[in-house]
Amino acid sequence: MANSKTVTILKALADPVRLRLFYLLSLGDELCVCHLTEALELPQSTISRHLALLRHASLVSTRRDGKWVYYRMTDETPESLVAFVESNLDTTQSADARRLSIRLKSCK
């Protein structure tokens, strides 16, 4: 039987939006909600709600800088899980990554 942490992680990734967020954060950059909102083309409230569930599963952590909250993968996130998600990309996740790249370039 799976332990409760494993079940929590798998439940967190069972939603397509959270899986898309997980993938973008697995690319290694620390990202604010505004970056993720533009990349996924979803409202800020939706992104924040899904990030909270990923945080509850200890897959992402936060850092506050003034009014901005930045998200990144935790050290606890299993590398095998990241590799699995990356090896099973679909066109939606690829499009998200392209939009994120464009957004990050415009911030520089």
Protein backbone atom coordinates (compact mmCIF):
# COMPACT_ATOMS: atom_id res chain seq x y z
CA MET A 1 0.00 0.00 0.00
CA ALA A 2 1.26 3.50 -0.87
CA ASN A 3 2.17 5.83 1.96
CA SER A 4 0.13 8.97 2.52
CA LYS A 5 2.83 11.28 1.09
CA THR A 6 2.82 9.36 -2.19
CA VAL A 7 -0.96 9.54 -2.38
CA THR A 8 -0.89 13.30 -1.69
CA ILE A 9 1.67 13.88 -4.45
CA LEU A 10 -0.22 11.80 -6.99
CA LYS A 11 -3.50 13.51 -6.14
CA ALA A 12 -1.83 16.89 -6.56
CA LEU A 13 -0.65 15.95 -10.04
CA ALA A 14 -3.94 14.35 -11.07
CA ASP A 15 -5.27 17.68 -12.35
CA PRO A 16 -4.22 18.91 -15.81
CA VAL A 17 -3.62 22.49 -14.63
CA ARG A 18 -1.43 21.37 -11.73
CA LEU A 19 0.48 19.05 -14.04
CA ARG A 20 1.12 21.99 -16.39
CA LEU A 21 2.30 24.15 -13.47
CA PHE A 22 4.51 21.38 -12.16
CA TYR A 23 6.16 21.03 -15.56
CA LEU A 24 6.88 24.76 -15.90
CA LEU A 25 8.35 24.90 -12.41
CA SER A 26 10.43 21.80 -13.14
CA LEU A 27 12.27 23.79 -15.82
CA GLY A 28 14.31 25.25 -12.97
CA ASP A 29 13.28 28.87 -12.83
CA GLU A 30 11.74 30.58 -9.85
CA LEU A 31 8.50 32.04 -11.18
CA CYS A 32 5.92 34.47 -9.93
CA VAL A 33 2.20 33.92 -10.35
CA CYS A 34 2.11 36.59 -13.09
CA HIS A 35 4.51 34.53 -15.24
CA LEU A 36 2.47 31.38 -14.74
CA THR A 37 -0.80 33.19 -15.41
CA GLU A 38 0.44 34.36 -18.79
CA ALA A 39 2.02 31.02 -19.68
CA LEU A 40 -1.11 29.00 -18.94
CA GLU A 41 -3.52 31.73 -20.05
CA LEU A 42 -5.63 31.26 -16.92
CA PRO A 43 -6.86 33.70 -14.24
CA GLN A 44 -4.59 34.51 -11.31
CA SER A 45 -7.07 33.06 -8.83
CA THR A 46 -7.05 29.71 -10.64
CA ILE A 47 -3.26 29.60 -10.76
CA SER A 48 -2.95 30.53 -7.08
CA ARG A 49 -5.46 27.89 -6.00
CA HIS A 50 -3.62 25.15 -7.90
CA LEU A 51 -0.21 26.29 -6.65
CA ALA A 52 -1.52 26.06 -3.08
CA LEU A 53 -2.35 22.40 -3.64
CA LEU A 54 1.11 21.72 -5.10
CA ARG A 55 2.60 23.48 -2.09
CA HIS A 56 0.50 21.37 0.28
CA ALA A 57 1.95 18.28 -1.41
CA SER A 58 5.48 19.68 -0.78
CA LEU A 59 6.19 19.83 -4.52
CA VAL A 60 6.72 23.59 -4.61
CA SER A 61 7.87 26.22 -2.16
CA THR A 62 7.39 29.97 -2.02
CA ARG A 63 9.41 33.09 -1.43
CA ARG A 64 7.77 36.45 -0.82
CA ASP A 65 9.37 39.64 -2.11
CA GLY A 66 7.14 42.59 -1.24
CA LYS A 67 3.77 41.96 -2.85
CA TRP A 68 5.16 39.28 -5.18
CA VAL A 69 5.20 35.56 -4.39
CA TYR A 70 7.68 33.39 -6.23
CA TYR A 71 7.34 29.62 -6.64
CA ARG A 72 9.96 26.96 -7.29
CA MET A 73 10.32 23.19 -7.02
CA THR A 74 11.31 21.89 -3.61
CA ASP A 75 14.37 19.78 -2.98
CA GLU A 76 11.96 17.09 -1.79
CA THR A 77 10.43 16.64 -5.25
CA PRO A 78 11.50 13.23 -6.56
CA GLU A 79 13.68 13.56 -9.66
CA SER A 80 12.04 10.45 -11.07
CA LEU A 81 8.68 12.24 -10.93
CA VAL A 82 10.09 15.25 -12.79
CA ALA A 83 11.63 12.94 -15.40
CA PHE A 84 8.32 11.11 -15.84
CA VAL A 85 6.39 14.34 -16.40
CA GLU A 86 9.01 15.68 -18.79
CA SER A 87 9.05 12.45 -20.81
CA ASN A 88 5.27 12.57 -21.24
CA LEU A 89 4.85 16.11 -22.54
CA ASP A 90 1.93 16.99 -24.72
CA THR A 91 1.38 19.94 -27.03
CA THR A 92 -0.29 21.96 -24.27
CA GLN A 93 2.78 21.79 -22.04
CA SER A 94 5.07 22.64 -24.95
CA ALA A 95 2.92 25.68 -25.78
CA ASP A 96 2.98 26.72 -22.11
CA ALA A 97 6.77 26.55 -22.10
CA ARG A 98 6.98 28.68 -25.28
CA ARG A 99 4.67 31.34 -23.81
CA LEU A 100 6.67 31.33 -20.57
CA SER A 101 9.93 31.76 -22.46
CA ILE A 102 8.53 34.73 -24.36
CA ARG A 103 7.22 36.26 -21.13
CA LEU A 104 10.54 35.85 -19.33
CA LYS A 105 12.47 37.40 -22.23
CA SER A 106 10.20 40.45 -22.12
CA CYS A 107 10.97 40.91 -18.40
CA LYS A 108 14.71 41.36 -18.99
